[in-house]
Amino acid sequence: MTDTIQNGIPFVPESTIDPAAGLNLALKVADALIQVKVQAIQNDPPATPDEGDMYIVGTVPTGAWVGYVGKLAQYLDAGWNFYSGVMAVNLADSKLYINVAVGWVVVGP
């Protein structure tokens, strides 16, 4: 097993001499997936995202997001990282979303 079962956080390989790189990657994944908040749900990557900004990729993604429908996209270390998420608070509309078989849907009214 190379990742945790629930959130896909990478384990540090057993034969690693310097575990810092693997541990730091695991911490970045954990940070991205604990109490997830997204800037918005959208198809287009923002032109100038801030470090750490996270979005839910829409149903017709463009640019760097092509192929990542419904994923969480986080801008970190000058590039996009993609994760499978279960729930997120959307800061654009202040609503809680869950990811179900048909995609991201609002919880409640």
Protein backbone atom coordinates (compact mmCIF):
# COMPACT_ATOMS: atom_id res chain seq x y z
CA MET A 1 0.00 0.00 0.00
CA THR A 2 1.47 3.36 -1.04
CA ASP A 3 -1.34 5.71 0.09
CA THR A 4 -3.73 5.91 3.02
CA ILE A 5 -7.09 4.27 2.32
CA GLN A 6 -9.44 7.15 3.20
CA ASN A 7 -7.73 10.21 1.75
CA GLY A 8 -4.93 8.91 -0.48
CA ILE A 9 -2.19 10.52 1.61
CA PRO A 10 1.12 9.08 0.39
CA PHE A 11 3.15 6.98 2.79
CA VAL A 12 6.90 7.59 2.97
CA PRO A 13 8.56 4.59 1.25
CA GLU A 14 10.19 2.23 3.77
CA SER A 15 13.59 2.38 2.05
CA THR A 16 13.76 6.20 2.08
CA ILE A 17 17.05 7.51 3.49
CA ASP A 18 15.72 11.06 3.95
CA PRO A 19 11.99 10.86 4.68
CA ALA A 20 11.47 14.65 4.61
CA ALA A 21 10.37 14.82 0.94
CA GLY A 22 7.78 12.06 1.32
CA LEU A 23 6.57 13.41 4.63
CA ASN A 24 6.25 16.93 3.24
CA LEU A 25 4.20 15.63 0.29
CA ALA A 26 1.91 13.77 2.72
CA LEU A 27 1.47 16.93 4.80
CA LYS A 28 0.54 18.95 1.69
CA VAL A 29 -2.15 16.38 0.79
CA ALA A 30 -3.48 16.33 4.36
CA ASP A 31 -3.54 20.14 4.45
CA ALA A 32 -5.49 20.22 1.19
CA LEU A 33 -8.11 17.72 2.32
CA ILE A 34 -8.83 18.70 5.92
CA GLN A 35 -11.68 21.23 6.17
CA VAL A 36 -11.67 21.87 2.44
CA LYS A 37 -12.66 25.33 1.27
CA VAL A 38 -12.72 26.27 -2.40
CA GLN A 39 -12.72 29.67 -4.07
CA ALA A 40 -15.39 28.57 -6.57
CA ILE A 41 -16.62 25.85 -8.91
CA GLN A 42 -15.40 26.67 -12.40
CA ASN A 43 -14.13 25.24 -15.68
CA ASP A 44 -11.25 27.63 -16.34
CA PRO A 45 -8.09 27.82 -14.22
CA PRO A 46 -7.65 31.38 -12.93
CA ALA A 47 -4.97 33.42 -14.70
CA THR A 48 -3.24 34.49 -11.47
CA PRO A 49 -4.14 32.17 -8.59
CA ASP A 50 -2.76 32.76 -5.12
CA GLU A 51 -0.61 30.07 -3.52
CA GLY A 52 -2.92 27.54 -1.85
CA ASP A 53 -6.09 28.56 -3.72
CA MET A 54 -8.38 25.61 -4.34
CA TYR A 55 -11.25 25.15 -6.79
CA ILE A 56 -13.71 22.46 -7.76
CA VAL A 57 -13.10 21.69 -11.43
CA GLY A 58 -16.32 22.04 -13.42
CA THR A 59 -17.85 19.66 -15.97
CA VAL A 60 -16.12 21.19 -19.02
CA PRO A 61 -12.59 22.06 -17.88
CA THR A 62 -10.09 23.99 -19.99
CA GLY A 63 -6.33 24.53 -20.00
CA ALA A 64 -4.36 22.83 -17.22
CA TRP A 65 -7.59 21.38 -15.82
CA VAL A 66 -8.53 19.29 -18.88
CA GLY A 67 -9.06 15.70 -17.78
CA TYR A 68 -9.82 16.56 -14.16
CA VAL A 69 -13.63 16.92 -14.14
CA GLY A 70 -14.96 17.08 -10.58
CA LYS A 71 -11.53 17.07 -8.93
CA LEU A 72 -10.29 19.54 -6.36
CA ALA A 73 -7.58 21.67 -7.97
CA GLN A 74 -5.10 23.36 -5.65
CA TYR A 75 -2.45 25.83 -6.81
CA LEU A 76 0.69 25.02 -4.88
CA ASP A 77 4.40 25.45 -5.63
CA ALA A 78 3.65 27.19 -8.97
CA GLY A 79 1.50 24.37 -10.33
CA TRP A 80 -1.85 22.60 -10.05
CA ASN A 81 -2.36 19.53 -7.86
CA PHE A 82 -5.54 17.48 -8.20
CA TYR A 83 -7.35 15.51 -5.51
CA SER A 84 -10.50 13.47 -5.15
CA GLY A 85 -12.66 15.13 -2.54
CA VAL A 86 -15.82 14.23 -0.65
CA MET A 87 -17.00 17.60 0.66
CA ALA A 88 -16.04 21.26 0.44
CA VAL A 89 -17.26 24.68 1.44
CA ASN A 90 -17.59 26.97 -1.58
CA LEU A 91 -16.52 30.48 -0.55
CA ALA A 92 -18.23 31.98 -3.63
CA ASP A 93 -21.72 31.05 -2.41
CA SER A 94 -21.06 30.03 1.24
CA LYS A 95 -22.60 26.58 0.70
CA LEU A 96 -21.45 23.08 1.59
CA TYR A 97 -21.06 20.68 -1.34
CA ILE A 98 -20.65 16.92 -1.38
CA ASN A 99 -19.30 14.85 -4.23
CA VAL A 100 -21.74 12.09 -5.20
CA ALA A 101 -22.13 9.85 -8.25
CA VAL A 102 -23.56 12.70 -10.36
CA GLY A 103 -20.93 15.25 -9.26
CA TRP A 104 -20.81 18.03 -6.68
CA VAL A 105 -24.20 18.93 -5.17
CA VAL A 106 -25.29 21.40 -2.48
CA VAL A 107 -26.13 20.00 0.94
CA GLY A 108 -29.44 21.35 2.21
CA PRO A 109 -31.50 24.25 0.88
